[in-house]
PDB file of N, CA and C in Angstrom:
ATOM      1  N   MET A   1       5.856   4.352 -40.893  1.00  0.00           N
ATOM      2  CA  MET A   1       5.586   3.398 -39.940  1.00  0.00           C
ATOM      3  C   MET A   1       6.060   2.577 -39.098  1.00  0.00           C
ATOM      4  N   TYR A   2       7.401   1.975 -39.800  1.00  0.00           N
ATOM      5  CA  TYR A   2       8.119   0.762 -39.126  1.00  0.00           C
ATOM      6  C   TYR A   2       8.909   1.543 -38.369  1.00  0.00           C
ATOM      7  N   ILE A   3       8.980   2.502 -38.332  1.00  0.00           N
ATOM      8  CA  ILE A   3      10.413   3.467 -37.590  1.00  0.00           C
ATOM      9  C   ILE A   3       9.449   4.267 -36.466  1.00  0.00           C
ATOM     10  N   LEU A   4       8.520   4.969 -37.186  1.00  0.00           N
ATOM     11  CA  LEU A   4       7.952   5.751 -36.054  1.00  0.00           C
ATOM     12  C   LEU A   4       7.212   4.896 -34.929  1.00  0.00           C
ATOM     13  N   PHE A   5       6.696   3.953 -35.082  1.00  0.00           N
ATOM     14  CA  PHE A   5       5.859   2.972 -34.139  1.00  0.00           C
ATOM     15  C   PHE A   5       7.268   2.436 -32.788  1.00  0.00           C
ATOM     16  N   PRO A   6       8.177   1.837 -33.428  1.00  0.00           N
ATOM     17  CA  PRO A   6       9.237   1.824 -31.786  1.00  0.00           C
ATOM     18  C   PRO A   6       9.715   2.810 -31.624  1.00  0.00           C
ATOM     19  N   ILE A   7       9.934   4.133 -32.005  1.00  0.00           N
ATOM     20  CA  ILE A   7      10.268   5.143 -31.575  1.00  0.00           C
ATOM     21  C   ILE A   7       9.053   5.494 -30.497  1.00  0.00           C
ATOM     22  N   GLY A   8       7.685   5.547 -31.174  1.00  0.00           N
ATOM     23  CA  GLY A   8       6.587   6.295 -30.085  1.00  0.00           C
ATOM     24  C   GLY A   8       6.691   5.550 -29.106  1.00  0.00           C
ATOM     25  N   VAL A   9       6.968   3.974 -29.074  1.00  0.00           N
ATOM     26  CA  VAL A   9       6.978   2.952 -27.876  1.00  0.00           C
ATOM     27  C   VAL A   9       7.876   3.377 -26.540  1.00  0.00           C
ATOM     28  N   MET A  10       9.362   3.742 -27.541  1.00  0.00           N
ATOM     29  CA  MET A  10      10.272   3.942 -26.258  1.00  0.00           C
ATOM     30  C   MET A  10      10.076   5.226 -25.847  1.00  0.00           C
ATOM     31  N   TYR A  11       9.575   6.191 -26.937  1.00  0.00           N
ATOM     32  CA  TYR A  11       9.461   7.502 -26.149  1.00  0.00           C
ATOM     33  C   TYR A  11       8.328   7.201 -24.809  1.00  0.00           C
ATOM     34  N   TYR A  12       7.173   6.717 -25.275  1.00  0.00           N
ATOM     35  CA  TYR A  12       6.485   6.348 -24.561  1.00  0.00           C
ATOM     36  C   TYR A  12       7.157   5.922 -23.143  1.00  0.00           C
ATOM     37  N   PHE A  13       7.330   4.913 -23.160  1.00  0.00           N
ATOM     38  CA  PHE A  13       7.946   4.245 -21.964  1.00  0.00           C
ATOM     39  C   PHE A  13       9.225   4.411 -21.191  1.00  0.00           C
ATOM     40  N   GLY A  14       9.908   4.757 -22.214  1.00  0.00           N
ATOM     41  CA  GLY A  14      11.455   5.777 -21.588  1.00  0.00           C
ATOM     42  C   GLY A  14      11.121   7.067 -20.862  1.00  0.00           C
ATOM     43  N   THR A  15      10.243   7.252 -21.111  1.00  0.00           N
ATOM     44  CA  THR A  15      10.019   9.055 -20.033  1.00  0.00           C
ATOM     45  C   THR A  15       9.361   8.659 -18.824  1.00  0.00           C
ATOM     46  N   ASN A  16      10.087   9.051 -17.919  1.00  0.00           N
ATOM     47  CA  ASN A  16       8.888   9.064 -16.560  1.00  0.00           C
ATOM     48  C   ASN A  16       9.199   7.363 -16.062  1.00  0.00           C
ATOM     49  N   LEU A  17      10.368   6.907 -16.110  1.00  0.00           N
ATOM     50  CA  LEU A  17       9.883   5.455 -15.830  1.00  0.00           C
ATOM     51  C   LEU A  17       9.516   5.050 -14.377  1.00  0.00           C
ATOM     52  N   ASP A  18       9.808   6.195 -13.549  1.00  0.00           N
ATOM     53  CA  ASP A  18       9.884   5.868 -12.160  1.00  0.00           C
ATOM     54  C   ASP A  18       8.599   6.555 -11.692  1.00  0.00           C
ATOM     55  N   GLY A  19       8.291   7.602 -12.199  1.00  0.00           N
ATOM     56  CA  GLY A  19       6.743   7.402 -11.581  1.00  0.00           C
ATOM     57  C   GLY A  19       5.684   6.525 -12.414  1.00  0.00           C
ATOM     58  N   ARG A  20       5.715   6.022 -13.270  1.00  0.00           N
ATOM     59  CA  ARG A  20       4.992   5.243 -13.560  1.00  0.00           C
ATOM     60  C   ARG A  20       4.647   3.425 -13.133  1.00  0.00           C
ATOM     61  N   PHE A  21       6.398   3.119 -13.155  1.00  0.00           N
ATOM     62  CA  PHE A  21       6.208   1.626 -12.430  1.00  0.00           C
ATOM     63  C   PHE A  21       7.379   1.790 -11.417  1.00  0.00           C
ATOM     64  N   SER A  22       6.992   2.625 -10.492  1.00  0.00           N
ATOM     65  CA  SER A  22       7.786   2.283  -9.113  1.00  0.00           C
ATOM     66  C   SER A  22       6.926   2.349  -8.033  1.00  0.00           C
ATOM     67  N   VAL A  23       6.954   1.073  -6.965  1.00  0.00           N
ATOM     68  CA  VAL A  23       6.313   0.588  -6.163  1.00  0.00           C
ATOM     69  C   VAL A  23       6.510   1.162  -5.040  1.00  0.00           C
ATOM     70  N   PRO A  24       5.948   1.758  -4.196  1.00  0.00           N
ATOM     71  CA  PRO A  24       6.643   2.634  -3.055  1.00  0.00           C
ATOM     72  C   PRO A  24       6.656   1.054  -1.960  1.00  0.00           C
ATOM     73  N   ASP A  25       7.850   1.282  -1.120  1.00  0.00           N
ATOM     74  CA  ASP A  25       7.682   0.422  -0.102  1.00  0.00           C
ATOM     75  C   ASP A  25       8.027  -1.176  -0.710  1.00  0.00           C
ATOM     76  N   PHE A  26       8.553  -1.406  -2.003  1.00  0.00           N
ATOM     77  CA  PHE A  26       8.436  -2.666  -2.493  1.00  0.00           C
ATOM     78  C   PHE A  26       9.485  -3.453  -1.633  1.00  0.00           C
ATOM     79  N   TRP A  27      11.162  -2.763  -1.185  1.00  0.00           N
ATOM     80  CA  TRP A  27      11.774  -3.754  -0.581  1.00  0.00           C
ATOM     81  C   TRP A  27      11.668  -3.019   0.678  1.00  0.00           C
ATOM     82  N   PRO A  28      11.774  -4.746   1.533  1.00  0.00           N
ATOM     83  CA  PRO A  28      11.767  -4.702   3.090  1.00  0.00           C
ATOM     84  C   PRO A  28      12.613  -3.528   3.742  1.00  0.00           C
ATOM     85  N   LYS A  29      12.542  -3.158   5.147  1.00  0.00           N
ATOM     86  CA  LYS A  29      13.524  -2.186   5.725  1.00  0.00           C
ATOM     87  C   LYS A  29      14.557  -3.381   6.320  1.00  0.00           C
ATOM     88  N   GLU A  30      15.461  -2.557   7.043  1.00  0.00           N
ATOM     89  CA  GLU A  30      16.636  -3.114   7.446  1.00  0.00           C
ATOM     90  C   GLU A  30      15.861  -4.301   8.846  1.00  0.00           C
ATOM     91  N   GLY A  31      14.811  -3.687   9.545  1.00  0.00           N
ATOM     92  CA  GLY A  31      14.265  -4.284  10.613  1.00  0.00           C
ATOM     93  C   GLY A  31      13.432  -5.356  10.362  1.00  0.00           C
ATOM     94  N   GLN A  32      12.922  -5.520   8.858  1.00  0.00           N
ATOM     95  CA  GLN A  32      11.926  -6.270   8.754  1.00  0.00           C
ATOM     96  C   GLN A  32      12.254  -7.368   7.918  1.00  0.00           C
ATOM     97  N   THR A  33      13.720  -7.797   8.020  1.00  0.00           N
ATOM     98  CA  THR A  33      14.348  -8.849   7.201  1.00  0.00           C
ATOM     99  C   THR A  33      15.100  -9.837   7.872  1.00  0.00           C
ATOM    100  N   HIS A  34      15.217 -11.076   7.742  1.00  0.00           N
ATOM    101  CA  HIS A  34      15.920 -11.839   8.732  1.00  0.00           C
ATOM    102  C   HIS A  34      17.453 -11.606   8.770  1.00  0.00           C
ATOM    103  N   ARG A  35      17.925 -11.513  10.212  1.00  0.00           N
ATOM    104  CA  ARG A  35      19.259 -11.430  10.329  1.00  0.00           C
ATOM    105  C   ARG A  35      20.180 -12.629  10.283  1.00  0.00           C
ATOM    106  N   ILE A  36      21.394 -12.840   9.418  1.00  0.00           N
ATOM    107  CA  ILE A  36      21.966 -14.112   9.596  1.00  0.00           C
ATOM    108  C   ILE A  36      22.702 -13.753  10.620  1.00  0.00           C
ATOM    109  N   PRO A  37      22.761 -14.969  11.434  1.00  0.00           N
ATOM    110  CA  PRO A  37      23.755 -14.738  12.821  1.00  0.00           C
ATOM    111  C   PRO A  37      25.204 -15.757  12.055  1.00  0.00           C
ATOM    112  N   TYR A  38      26.160 -14.755  13.084  1.00  0.00           N
ATOM    113  CA  TYR A  38      27.214 -15.619  12.411  1.00  0.00           C
ATOM    114  C   TYR A  38      28.101 -15.538  13.449  1.00  0.00           C
ATOM    115  N   GLU A  39      27.587 -15.114  14.716  1.00  0.00           N
ATOM    116  CA  GLU A  39      28.623 -15.399  16.067  1.00  0.00           C
ATOM    117  C   GLU A  39      28.322 -17.199  16.175  1.00  0.00           C
ATOM    118  N   LYS A  40      28.950 -17.975  17.198  1.00  0.00           N
ATOM    119  CA  LYS A  40      28.478 -19.224  17.402  1.00  0.00           C
ATOM    120  C   LYS A  40      27.572 -19.269  18.111  1.00  0.00           C
ATOM    121  N   ASP A  41      27.104 -18.444  19.683  1.00  0.00           N
ATOM    122  CA  ASP A  41      25.832 -18.247  20.196  1.00  0.00           C
ATOM    123  C   ASP A  41      24.763 -18.230  19.660  1.00  0.00           C
ATOM    124  N   GLU A  42      24.771 -17.030  18.796  1.00  0.00           N
ATOM    125  CA  GLU A  42      23.985 -16.694  17.899  1.00  0.00           C
ATOM    126  C   GLU A  42      23.197 -17.841  16.919  1.00  0.00           C
ATOM    127  N   MET A  43      23.962 -18.501  16.425  1.00  0.00           N
ATOM    128  CA  MET A  43      23.861 -19.700  15.740  1.00  0.00           C
ATOM    129  C   MET A  43      23.366 -21.084  16.488  1.00  0.00           C
ATOM    130  N   LEU A  44      23.847 -21.164  17.586  1.00  0.00           N
ATOM    131  CA  LEU A  44      23.565 -22.424  18.676  1.00  0.00           C
ATOM    132  C   LEU A  44      21.823 -21.682  18.883  1.00  0.00           C
ATOM    133  N   SER A  45      21.783 -20.505  19.265  1.00  0.00           N
ATOM    134  CA  SER A  45      20.254 -20.104  19.753  1.00  0.00           C
ATOM    135  C   SER A  45      19.310 -20.275  19.086  1.00  0.00           C
ATOM    136  N   GLU A  46      19.814 -20.011  17.485  1.00  0.00           N
ATOM    137  CA  GLU A  46      18.996 -19.891  16.389  1.00  0.00           C
ATOM    138  C   GLU A  46      18.514 -21.329  16.029  1.00  0.00           C
ATOM    139  N   ILE A  47      19.494 -22.366  15.778  1.00  0.00           N
ATOM    140  CA  ILE A  47      18.993 -23.949  16.068  1.00  0.00           C
ATOM    141  C   ILE A  47      18.358 -24.170  16.810  1.00  0.00           C
ATOM    142  N   GLU A  48      18.343 -23.887  18.081  1.00  0.00           N
ATOM    143  CA  GLU A  48      17.570 -24.188  19.276  1.00  0.00           C
ATOM    144  C   GLU A  48      15.992 -23.896  18.752  1.00  0.00           C
ATOM    145  N   ARG A  49      16.012 -22.492  18.367  1.00  0.00           N
ATOM    146  CA  ARG A  49      14.676 -21.911  18.440  1.00  0.00           C
ATOM    147  C   ARG A  49      14.025 -22.756  17.181  1.00  0.00           C
ATOM    148  N   LEU A  50      14.968 -22.893  16.493  1.00  0.00           N
ATOM    149  CA  LEU A  50      14.193 -24.024  14.896  1.00  0.00           C
ATOM    150  C   LEU A  50      13.924 -25.315  15.773  1.00  0.00           C
ATOM    151  N   ARG A  51      14.456 -26.069  16.499  1.00  0.00           N
ATOM    152  CA  ARG A  51      14.317 -27.005  16.715  1.00  0.00           C
ATOM    153  C   ARG A  51      12.955 -27.213  17.879  1.00  0.00           C
ATOM    154  N   THR A  52      12.739 -26.797  18.540  1.00  0.00           N
ATOM    155  CA  THR A  52      11.833 -26.173  19.511  1.00  0.00           C
ATOM    156  C   THR A  52      10.812 -25.966  18.678  1.00  0.00           C
ATOM    157  N   ARG A  53      10.540 -24.920  17.686  1.00  0.00           N
ATOM    158  CA  ARG A  53       9.396 -25.228  16.499  1.00  0.00           C
ATOM    159  C   ARG A  53       8.923 -25.900  15.668  1.00  0.00           C
ATOM    160  N   ARG A  54      10.092 -26.890  15.433  1.00  0.00           N
ATOM    161  CA  ARG A  54       9.869 -28.117  14.671  1.00  0.00           C
ATOM    162  C   ARG A  54       9.266 -29.112  15.719  1.00  0.00           C
ATOM    163  N   LEU A  55       9.525 -29.307  16.741  1.00  0.00           N
ATOM    164  CA  LEU A  55       8.945 -30.336  17.642  1.00  0.00           C
ATOM    165  C   LEU A  55       7.715 -29.882  17.992  1.00  0.00           C
ATOM    166  N   ALA A  56       7.600 -28.517  17.947  1.00  0.00           N
ATOM    167  CA  ALA A  56       6.233 -27.705  18.603  1.00  0.00           C
ATOM    168  C   ALA A  56       5.175 -28.503  17.230  1.00  0.00           C
ATOM    169  N   LEU A  57       5.556 -27.918  16.211  1.00  0.00           N
ATOM    170  CA  LEU A  57       4.629 -28.058  15.104  1.00  0.00           C
ATOM    171  C   LEU A  57       4.457 -29.926  14.872  1.00  0.00           C
ATOM    172  N   LYS A  58       5.373 -30.661  14.937  1.00  0.00           N
ATOM    173  CA  LYS A  58       5.245 -32.104  14.967  1.00  0.00           C
ATOM    174  C   LYS A  58       4.305 -32.437  15.985  1.00  0.00           C
ATOM    175  N   ALA A  59       4.717 -32.056  17.237  1.00  0.00           N
ATOM    176  CA  ALA A  59       3.789 -32.514  18.139  1.00  0.00           C
ATOM    177  C   ALA A  59       1.961 -31.891  17.953  1.00  0.00           C
ATOM    178  N   LYS A  60       1.926 -30.960  17.574  1.00  0.00           N
ATOM    179  CA  LYS A  60       0.615 -30.154  16.889  1.00  0.00           C
ATOM    180  C   LYS A  60      -0.181 -31.295  15.573  1.00  0.00           C
ATOM    181  N   ARG A  61       1.029 -31.510  14.729  1.00  0.00           N
ATOM    182  CA  ARG A  61       0.635 -32.446  13.893  1.00  0.00           C
ATOM    183  C   ARG A  61       0.021 -34.040  14.329  1.00  0.00           C
ATOM    184  N   LEU A  62       0.812 -34.607  15.143  1.00  0.00           N
ATOM    185  CA  LEU A  62       0.168 -35.764  15.707  1.00  0.00           C
ATOM    186  C   LEU A  62      -0.761 -35.706  16.521  1.00  0.00           C
ATOM    187  N   GLU A  63      -1.123 -34.782  17.310  1.00  0.00           N
ATOM    188  CA  GLU A  63      -2.259 -34.530  17.729  1.00  0.00           C
ATOM    189  C   GLU A  63      -3.561 -34.239  16.871  1.00  0.00           C
ATOM    190  N   GLU A  64      -3.389 -33.513  15.914  1.00  0.00           N
ATOM    191  CA  GLU A  64      -4.629 -33.386  14.768  1.00  0.00           C
ATOM    192  C   GLU A  64      -4.844 -34.962  14.201  1.00  0.00           C
ATOM    193  N   GLU A  65      -3.857 -35.294  13.793  1.00  0.00           N
ATOM    194  CA  GLU A  65      -3.688 -36.922  13.142  1.00  0.00           C
ATOM    195  C   GLU A  65      -5.031 -37.988  14.008  1.00  0.00           C
ATOM    196  N   ALA A  66      -4.284 -37.835  15.447  1.00  0.00           N
ATOM    197  CA  ALA A  66      -4.401 -38.676  16.261  1.00  0.00           C
ATOM    198  C   ALA A  66      -6.366 -38.274  16.855  1.00  0.00           C
ATOM    199  N   ARG A  67      -6.523 -37.035  16.456  1.00  0.00           N
ATOM    200  CA  ARG A  67      -7.760 -36.525  16.609  1.00  0.00           C
ATOM    201  C   ARG A  67      -8.555 -36.749  15.431  1.00  0.00           C
ATOM    202  N   SER A  68      -8.378 -36.770  14.557  1.00  0.00           N
ATOM    203  CA  SER A  68      -8.800 -37.308  13.007  1.00  0.00           C
ATOM    204  C   SER A  68      -8.885 -38.864  12.924  1.00  0.00           C
ATOM    205  N   ARG A  69      -8.198 -39.498  13.559  1.00  0.00           N
ATOM    206  CA  ARG A  69      -8.423 -40.846  13.778  1.00  0.00           C
ATOM    207  C   ARG A  69      -9.375 -41.282  14.373  1.00  0.00           C
ATOM    208  N   GLY A  70      -9.431 -40.892  15.567  1.00  0.00           N
ATOM    209  CA  GLY A  70     -10.340 -41.019  16.548  1.00  0.00           C
ATOM    210  C   GLY A  70     -11.678 -40.745  16.140  1.00  0.00           C
ATOM    211  N   THR A  71     -12.177 -39.520  15.313  1.00  0.00           N
ATOM    212  CA  THR A  71     -13.109 -39.080  15.191  1.00  0.00           C
ATOM    213  C   THR A  71     -13.851 -40.151  13.636  1.00  0.00           C
ATOM    214  N   ALA A  72     -12.757 -40.654  12.966  1.00  0.00           N
ATOM    215  CA  ALA A  72     -13.101 -41.437  11.607  1.00  0.00           C
ATOM    216  C   ALA A  72     -13.301 -42.269  12.049  1.00  0.00           C
ATOM    217  N   ARG A  73     -13.036 -43.365  13.087  1.00  0.00           N
ATOM    218  CA  ARG A  73     -13.687 -44.691  13.252  1.00  0.00           C
ATOM    219  C   ARG A  73     -14.671 -44.793  14.025  1.00  0.00           C
TER     220      ARG A  73
END
């Protein structure tokens, strides 16, 4: 019993692991992931893109806060 149970578990989980526990398309493809910029102009354009996104989100947040303050009073 003490020897048969671990051997049975190892046999059950040890055979055909790819068929039982694999998840198809788990890792993203090359075009679906972020690409790290290495060139200076690419870095500057990425910084500018992040800056404009941050400012747009800040403006939207401030507008929502102003709208919520206006309705609360």
